[in-house]
Amino acid sequence: IFNALKAANLTTESSAVNSFATPRRLAVQIS
C-alpha cells in the first residue's frame, strides 16, 4: 500500500508507516 501511494506522489517526506497484523486482520496506517 505504501509503495503504491509513494509512487503516485501521495506521500510526503514525513509520512510514516505503521503495520498491523493480528489473527483476523491486516492493516496499515500511513501519516
PDB file of all heavy atoms in Angstrom:
ATOM      1  N   ILE A   1       0.842  -1.208   0.000  1.00  0.00           N
ATOM      2  CA  ILE A   1       0.000   0.000   0.000  1.00  0.00           C
ATOM      3  C   ILE A   1       0.872   1.252   0.000  1.00  0.00           C
ATOM      4  O   ILE A   1       0.656   2.187  -0.800  1.00  0.00           O
ATOM      5  CB  ILE A   1      -0.936   0.005   1.231  1.00  0.00           C
ATOM      6  CG1 ILE A   1      -1.879  -1.206   1.215  1.00  0.00           C
ATOM      7  CG2 ILE A   1      -1.719   1.312   1.285  1.00  0.00           C
ATOM      8  CD1 ILE A   1      -2.890  -1.221   0.108  1.00  0.00           C
ATOM      9  N   PHE A   2       1.865   1.286   0.885  1.00  0.00           N
ATOM     10  CA  PHE A   2       2.708   2.480   0.988  1.00  0.00           C
ATOM     11  C   PHE A   2       3.473   2.735  -0.315  1.00  0.00           C
ATOM     12  O   PHE A   2       3.531   3.878  -0.794  1.00  0.00           O
ATOM     13  CB  PHE A   2       3.698   2.338   2.143  1.00  0.00           C
ATOM     14  CG  PHE A   2       4.669   3.495   2.244  1.00  0.00           C
ATOM     15  CD1 PHE A   2       4.254   4.719   2.736  1.00  0.00           C
ATOM     16  CD2 PHE A   2       5.982   3.358   1.811  1.00  0.00           C
ATOM     17  CE1 PHE A   2       5.129   5.795   2.815  1.00  0.00           C
ATOM     18  CE2 PHE A   2       6.869   4.423   1.888  1.00  0.00           C
ATOM     19  CZ  PHE A   2       6.448   5.646   2.386  1.00  0.00           C
ATOM     20  N   ASN A   3       4.062   1.711  -0.892  1.00  0.00           N
ATOM     21  CA  ASN A   3       4.845   1.896  -2.120  1.00  0.00           C
ATOM     22  C   ASN A   3       3.992   2.410  -3.265  1.00  0.00           C
ATOM     23  O   ASN A   3       4.444   3.232  -4.076  1.00  0.00           O
ATOM     24  CB  ASN A   3       5.525   0.582  -2.520  1.00  0.00           C
ATOM     25  CG  ASN A   3       6.652   0.209  -1.573  1.00  0.00           C
ATOM     26  OD1 ASN A   3       7.184   1.060  -0.865  1.00  0.00           O
ATOM     27  ND2 ASN A   3       7.012  -1.063  -1.540  1.00  0.00           N
ATOM     28  N   ALA A   4       2.744   1.947  -3.342  1.00  0.00           N
ATOM     29  CA  ALA A   4       1.848   2.422  -4.404  1.00  0.00           C
ATOM     30  C   ALA A   4       1.512   3.898  -4.215  1.00  0.00           C
ATOM     31  O   ALA A   4       1.494   4.673  -5.185  1.00  0.00           O
ATOM     32  CB  ALA A   4       0.576   1.582  -4.416  1.00  0.00           C
ATOM     33  N   LEU A   5       1.261   4.305  -2.986  1.00  0.00           N
ATOM     34  CA  LEU A   5       0.956   5.717  -2.713  1.00  0.00           C
ATOM     35  C   LEU A   5       2.182   6.594  -2.944  1.00  0.00           C
ATOM     36  O   LEU A   5       2.074   7.710  -3.465  1.00  0.00           O
ATOM     37  CB  LEU A   5       0.458   5.876  -1.279  1.00  0.00           C
ATOM     38  CG  LEU A   5      -0.846   5.153  -0.911  1.00  0.00           C
ATOM     39  CD1 LEU A   5      -1.198   5.416   0.541  1.00  0.00           C
ATOM     40  CD2 LEU A   5      -1.985   5.591  -1.818  1.00  0.00           C
ATOM     41  N   LYS A   6       3.332   6.090  -2.553  1.00  0.00           N
ATOM     42  CA  LYS A   6       4.562   6.855  -2.744  1.00  0.00           C
ATOM     43  C   LYS A   6       4.853   7.041  -4.229  1.00  0.00           C
ATOM     44  O   LYS A   6       5.244   8.137  -4.663  1.00  0.00           O
ATOM     45  CB  LYS A   6       5.729   6.130  -2.066  1.00  0.00           C
ATOM     46  CG  LYS A   6       7.048   6.892  -2.138  1.00  0.00           C
ATOM     47  CD  LYS A   6       8.157   6.140  -1.417  1.00  0.00           C
ATOM     48  CE  LYS A   6       9.476   6.917  -1.496  1.00  0.00           C
ATOM     49  NZ  LYS A   6      10.578   6.182  -0.802  1.00  0.00           N
ATOM     50  N   ALA A   7       4.645   5.992  -5.016  1.00  0.00           N
ATOM     51  CA  ALA A   7       4.881   6.084  -6.461  1.00  0.00           C
ATOM     52  C   ALA A   7       3.955   7.093  -7.114  1.00  0.00           C
ATOM     53  O   ALA A   7       4.300   7.701  -8.136  1.00  0.00           O
ATOM     54  CB  ALA A   7       4.712   4.708  -7.101  1.00  0.00           C
ATOM     55  N   ALA A   8       2.786   7.289  -6.512  1.00  0.00           N
ATOM     56  CA  ALA A   8       1.816   8.250  -7.054  1.00  0.00           C
ATOM     57  C   ALA A   8       1.992   9.639  -6.445  1.00  0.00           C
ATOM     58  O   ALA A   8       1.154  10.526  -6.677  1.00  0.00           O
ATOM     59  CB  ALA A   8       0.400   7.745  -6.798  1.00  0.00           C
ATOM     60  N   ASN A   9       3.068   9.830  -5.655  1.00  0.00           N
ATOM     61  CA  ASN A   9       3.366  11.133  -5.033  1.00  0.00           C
ATOM     62  C   ASN A   9       2.278  11.586  -4.058  1.00  0.00           C
ATOM     63  O   ASN A   9       2.040  12.788  -3.903  1.00  0.00           O
ATOM     64  CB  ASN A   9       3.588  12.210  -6.102  1.00  0.00           C
ATOM     65  CG  ASN A   9       4.815  11.932  -6.950  1.00  0.00           C
ATOM     66  OD1 ASN A   9       5.855  11.547  -6.428  1.00  0.00           O
ATOM     67  ND2 ASN A   9       4.676  12.098  -8.253  1.00  0.00           N
ATOM     68  N   LEU A  10       1.642  10.604  -3.420  1.00  0.00           N
ATOM     69  CA  LEU A  10       0.603  10.943  -2.450  1.00  0.00           C
ATOM     70  C   LEU A  10       1.129  10.948  -1.015  1.00  0.00           C
ATOM     71  O   LEU A  10       0.392  11.290  -0.087  1.00  0.00           O
ATOM     72  CB  LEU A  10      -0.566   9.951  -2.572  1.00  0.00           C
ATOM     73  CG  LEU A  10      -1.438  10.149  -3.816  1.00  0.00           C
ATOM     74  CD1 LEU A  10      -2.321   8.934  -4.050  1.00  0.00           C
ATOM     75  CD2 LEU A  10      -2.285  11.412  -3.682  1.00  0.00           C
ATOM     76  N   THR A  11       2.385  10.559  -0.823  1.00  0.00           N
ATOM     77  CA  THR A  11       3.003  10.632   0.500  1.00  0.00           C
ATOM     78  C   THR A  11       3.964  11.804   0.537  1.00  0.00           C
ATOM     79  O   THR A  11       4.312  12.381  -0.497  1.00  0.00           O
ATOM     80  CB  THR A  11       3.761   9.333   0.821  1.00  0.00           C
ATOM     81  OG1 THR A  11       4.791   9.133  -0.157  1.00  0.00           O
ATOM     82  CG2 THR A  11       2.829   8.138   0.824  1.00  0.00           C
ATOM     83  N   THR A  12       4.396  12.149   1.730  1.00  0.00           N
ATOM     84  CA  THR A  12       5.355  13.240   1.896  1.00  0.00           C
ATOM     85  C   THR A  12       6.605  12.689   2.581  1.00  0.00           C
ATOM     86  O   THR A  12       6.655  11.526   2.979  1.00  0.00           O
ATOM     87  CB  THR A  12       4.754  14.359   2.765  1.00  0.00           C
ATOM     88  OG1 THR A  12       4.540  13.857   4.086  1.00  0.00           O
ATOM     89  CG2 THR A  12       3.428  14.838   2.177  1.00  0.00           C
ATOM     90  N   GLU A  13       7.615  13.539   2.720  1.00  0.00           N
ATOM     91  CA  GLU A  13       8.849  13.105   3.381  1.00  0.00           C
ATOM     92  C   GLU A  13       8.606  12.718   4.832  1.00  0.00           C
ATOM     93  O   GLU A  13       9.332  11.912   5.402  1.00  0.00           O
ATOM     94  CB  GLU A  13       9.902  14.218   3.308  1.00  0.00           C
ATOM     95  CG  GLU A  13      10.445  14.459   1.909  1.00  0.00           C
ATOM     96  CD  GLU A  13      11.559  15.493   1.891  1.00  0.00           C
ATOM     97  OE1 GLU A  13      11.921  15.977   2.990  1.00  0.00           O
ATOM     98  OE2 GLU A  13      12.048  15.811   0.801  1.00  0.00           O
ATOM     99  N   SER A  14       7.591  13.280   5.437  1.00  0.00           N
ATOM    100  CA  SER A  14       7.303  12.995   6.850  1.00  0.00           C
ATOM    101  C   SER A  14       6.326  11.834   7.034  1.00  0.00           C
ATOM    102  O   SER A  14       5.979  11.481   8.163  1.00  0.00           O
ATOM    103  CB  SER A  14       6.731  14.240   7.532  1.00  0.00           C
ATOM    104  OG  SER A  14       5.535  14.645   6.893  1.00  0.00           O
ATOM    105  N   SER A  15       5.885  11.223   5.947  1.00  0.00           N
ATOM    106  CA  SER A  15       4.938  10.106   6.048  1.00  0.00           C
ATOM    107  C   SER A  15       5.593   8.915   6.737  1.00  0.00           C
ATOM    108  O   SER A  15       6.694   8.501   6.379  1.00  0.00           O
ATOM    109  CB  SER A  15       4.449   9.687   4.661  1.00  0.00           C
ATOM    110  OG  SER A  15       3.677  10.705   4.067  1.00  0.00           O
ATOM    111  N   ALA A  16       4.913   8.376   7.743  1.00  0.00           N
ATOM    112  CA  ALA A  16       5.410   7.208   8.483  1.00  0.00           C
ATOM    113  C   ALA A  16       4.417   6.064   8.347  1.00  0.00           C
ATOM    114  O   ALA A  16       3.205   6.280   8.235  1.00  0.00           O
ATOM    115  CB  ALA A  16       5.613   7.560   9.953  1.00  0.00           C
ATOM    116  N   VAL A  17       4.942   4.838   8.358  1.00  0.00           N
ATOM    117  CA  VAL A  17       4.108   3.649   8.156  1.00  0.00           C
ATOM    118  C   VAL A  17       4.023   2.846   9.442  1.00  0.00           C
ATOM    119  O   VAL A  17       5.043   2.547  10.064  1.00  0.00           O
ATOM    120  CB  VAL A  17       4.686   2.760   7.033  1.00  0.00           C
ATOM    121  CG1 VAL A  17       3.779   1.555   6.795  1.00  0.00           C
ATOM    122  CG2 VAL A  17       4.868   3.553   5.761  1.00  0.00           C
ATOM    123  N   ASN A  18       2.805   2.507   9.841  1.00  0.00           N
ATOM    124  CA  ASN A  18       2.579   1.578  10.950  1.00  0.00           C
ATOM    125  C   ASN A  18       1.881   0.349  10.403  1.00  0.00           C
ATOM    126  O   ASN A  18       0.793   0.446   9.818  1.00  0.00           O
ATOM    127  CB  ASN A  18       1.713   2.214  12.044  1.00  0.00           C
ATOM    128  CG  ASN A  18       2.509   3.162  12.919  1.00  0.00           C
ATOM    129  OD1 ASN A  18       3.680   2.914  13.206  1.00  0.00           O
ATOM    130  ND2 ASN A  18       1.880   4.252  13.340  1.00  0.00           N
ATOM    131  N   SER A  19       2.532  -0.807  10.571  1.00  0.00           N
ATOM    132  CA  SER A  19       1.966  -2.052  10.071  1.00  0.00           C
ATOM    133  C   SER A  19       1.265  -2.786  11.207  1.00  0.00           C
ATOM    134  O   SER A  19       1.778  -2.860  12.325  1.00  0.00           O
ATOM    135  CB  SER A  19       3.083  -2.929   9.487  1.00  0.00           C
ATOM    136  OG  SER A  19       2.566  -4.165   9.063  1.00  0.00           O
ATOM    137  N   PHE A  20       0.089  -3.349  10.906  1.00  0.00           N
ATOM    138  CA  PHE A  20      -0.675  -4.091  11.902  1.00  0.00           C
ATOM    139  C   PHE A  20      -1.046  -5.460  11.336  1.00  0.00           C
ATOM    140  O   PHE A  20      -1.420  -5.575  10.161  1.00  0.00           O
ATOM    141  CB  PHE A  20      -1.950  -3.335  12.289  1.00  0.00           C
ATOM    142  CG  PHE A  20      -1.703  -1.940  12.797  1.00  0.00           C
ATOM    143  CD1 PHE A  20      -1.991  -0.835  12.016  1.00  0.00           C
ATOM    144  CD2 PHE A  20      -1.171  -1.739  14.062  1.00  0.00           C
ATOM    145  CE1 PHE A  20      -1.763   0.450  12.471  1.00  0.00           C
ATOM    146  CE2 PHE A  20      -0.937  -0.449  14.538  1.00  0.00           C
ATOM    147  CZ  PHE A  20      -1.231   0.646  13.742  1.00  0.00           C
ATOM    148  N   ALA A  21      -0.958  -6.476  12.187  1.00  0.00           N
ATOM    149  CA  ALA A  21      -1.345  -7.825  11.769  1.00  0.00           C
ATOM    150  C   ALA A  21      -1.752  -8.622  12.996  1.00  0.00           C
ATOM    151  O   ALA A  21      -0.974  -8.787  13.933  1.00  0.00           O
ATOM    152  CB  ALA A  21      -0.190  -8.513  11.048  1.00  0.00           C
ATOM    153  N   THR A  22      -3.002  -9.074  13.014  1.00  0.00           N
ATOM    154  CA  THR A  22      -3.488  -9.953  14.080  1.00  0.00           C
ATOM    155  C   THR A  22      -4.075 -11.190  13.393  1.00  0.00           C
ATOM    156  O   THR A  22      -4.173 -11.231  12.161  1.00  0.00           O
ATOM    157  CB  THR A  22      -4.571  -9.258  14.934  1.00  0.00           C
ATOM    158  OG1 THR A  22      -5.825  -9.295  14.239  1.00  0.00           O
ATOM    159  CG2 THR A  22      -4.190  -7.817  15.248  1.00  0.00           C
ATOM    160  N   PRO A  23      -4.481 -12.187  14.157  1.00  0.00           N
ATOM    161  CA  PRO A  23      -5.050 -13.377  13.515  1.00  0.00           C
ATOM    162  C   PRO A  23      -6.201 -13.086  12.565  1.00  0.00           C
ATOM    163  O   PRO A  23      -6.434 -13.845  11.620  1.00  0.00           O
ATOM    164  CB  PRO A  23      -5.528 -14.213  14.718  1.00  0.00           C
ATOM    165  CG  PRO A  23      -4.614 -13.820  15.827  1.00  0.00           C
ATOM    166  CD  PRO A  23      -4.328 -12.369  15.615  1.00  0.00           C
ATOM    167  N   ARG A  24      -6.929 -11.961  12.817  1.00  0.00           N
ATOM    168  CA  ARG A  24      -8.116 -11.695  11.993  1.00  0.00           C
ATOM    169  C   ARG A  24      -8.056 -10.377  11.229  1.00  0.00           C
ATOM    170  O   ARG A  24      -9.092  -9.913  10.740  1.00  0.00           O
ATOM    171  CB  ARG A  24      -9.370 -11.708  12.881  1.00  0.00           C
ATOM    172  CG  ARG A  24      -9.643 -13.046  13.539  1.00  0.00           C
ATOM    173  CD  ARG A  24     -11.073 -13.155  14.006  1.00  0.00           C
ATOM    174  NE  ARG A  24     -11.391 -12.196  15.068  1.00  0.00           N
ATOM    175  CZ  ARG A  24     -12.625 -11.827  15.398  1.00  0.00           C
ATOM    176  NH1 ARG A  24     -13.657 -12.298  14.731  1.00  0.00           N
ATOM    177  NH2 ARG A  24     -12.817 -10.972  16.392  1.00  0.00           N
ATOM    178  N   ARG A  25      -6.855  -9.804  11.085  1.00  0.00           N
ATOM    179  CA  ARG A  25      -6.831  -8.545  10.335  1.00  0.00           C
ATOM    180  C   ARG A  25      -5.427  -8.230   9.836  1.00  0.00           C
ATOM    181  O   ARG A  25      -4.417  -8.563  10.474  1.00  0.00           O
ATOM    182  CB  ARG A  25      -7.372  -7.390  11.183  1.00  0.00           C
ATOM    183  CG  ARG A  25      -6.457  -6.908  12.286  1.00  0.00           C
ATOM    184  CD  ARG A  25      -7.226  -6.126  13.328  1.00  0.00           C
ATOM    185  NE  ARG A  25      -8.029  -7.025  14.143  1.00  0.00           N
ATOM    186  CZ  ARG A  25      -9.324  -6.842  14.422  1.00  0.00           C
ATOM    187  NH1 ARG A  25      -9.959  -5.787  13.974  1.00  0.00           N
ATOM    188  NH2 ARG A  25      -9.976  -7.708  15.175  1.00  0.00           N
ATOM    189  N   LEU A  26      -5.394  -7.576   8.670  1.00  0.00           N
ATOM    190  CA  LEU A  26      -4.195  -6.952   8.125  1.00  0.00           C
ATOM    191  C   LEU A  26      -4.526  -5.478   7.961  1.00  0.00           C
ATOM    192  O   LEU A  26      -5.570  -5.131   7.404  1.00  0.00           O
ATOM    193  CB  LEU A  26      -3.822  -7.548   6.762  1.00  0.00           C
ATOM    194  CG  LEU A  26      -3.506  -9.044   6.703  1.00  0.00           C
ATOM    195  CD1 LEU A  26      -3.310  -9.482   5.253  1.00  0.00           C
ATOM    196  CD2 LEU A  26      -2.270  -9.364   7.524  1.00  0.00           C
ATOM    197  N   ALA A  27      -3.654  -4.618   8.444  1.00  0.00           N
ATOM    198  CA  ALA A  27      -3.951  -3.189   8.365  1.00  0.00           C
ATOM    199  C   ALA A  27      -2.674  -2.385   8.239  1.00  0.00           C
ATOM    200  O   ALA A  27      -1.591  -2.841   8.617  1.00  0.00           O
ATOM    201  CB  ALA A  27      -4.744  -2.730   9.593  1.00  0.00           C
ATOM    202  N   VAL A  28      -2.823  -1.170   7.700  1.00  0.00           N
ATOM    203  CA  VAL A  28      -1.701  -0.245   7.603  1.00  0.00           C
ATOM    204  C   VAL A  28      -2.211   1.163   7.873  1.00  0.00           C
ATOM    205  O   VAL A  28      -3.312   1.546   7.449  1.00  0.00           O
ATOM    206  CB  VAL A  28      -1.021  -0.324   6.215  1.00  0.00           C
ATOM    207  CG1 VAL A  28      -1.994   0.036   5.098  1.00  0.00           C
ATOM    208  CG2 VAL A  28       0.208   0.579   6.169  1.00  0.00           C
ATOM    209  N   GLN A  29      -1.420   1.916   8.630  1.00  0.00           N
ATOM    210  CA  GLN A  29      -1.730   3.317   8.907  1.00  0.00           C
ATOM    211  C   GLN A  29      -0.550   4.149   8.423  1.00  0.00           C
ATOM    212  O   GLN A  29       0.589   3.892   8.808  1.00  0.00           O
ATOM    213  CB  GLN A  29      -1.943   3.520  10.401  1.00  0.00           C
ATOM    214  CG  GLN A  29      -2.357   4.934  10.792  1.00  0.00           C
ATOM    215  CD  GLN A  29      -2.387   5.081  12.303  1.00  0.00           C
ATOM    216  OE1 GLN A  29      -1.345   5.088  12.949  1.00  0.00           O
ATOM    217  NE2 GLN A  29      -3.591   5.166  12.866  1.00  0.00           N
ATOM    218  N   ILE A  30      -0.818   5.108   7.549  1.00  0.00           N
ATOM    219  CA  ILE A  30       0.232   5.951   6.970  1.00  0.00           C
ATOM    220  C   ILE A  30      -0.093   7.401   7.285  1.00  0.00           C
ATOM    221  O   ILE A  30      -1.201   7.873   7.003  1.00  0.00           O
ATOM    222  CB  ILE A  30       0.332   5.752   5.443  1.00  0.00           C
ATOM    223  CG1 ILE A  30       0.478   4.260   5.111  1.00  0.00           C
ATOM    224  CG2 ILE A  30       1.506   6.542   4.869  1.00  0.00           C
ATOM    225  CD1 ILE A  30       0.361   3.953   3.627  1.00  0.00           C
ATOM    226  N   SER A  31       0.864   8.104   7.861  1.00  0.00           N
ATOM    227  CA  SER A  31       0.623   9.501   8.231  1.00  0.00           C
ATOM    228  C   SER A  31       0.889  10.431   7.050  1.00  0.00           C
ATOM    229  O   SER A  31       1.647  10.098   6.137  1.00  0.00           O
ATOM    230  CB  SER A  31       1.511   9.891   9.408  1.00  0.00           C
ATOM    231  OG  SER A  31       2.887   9.803   9.047  1.00  0.00           O
TER     232      SER A  31
END
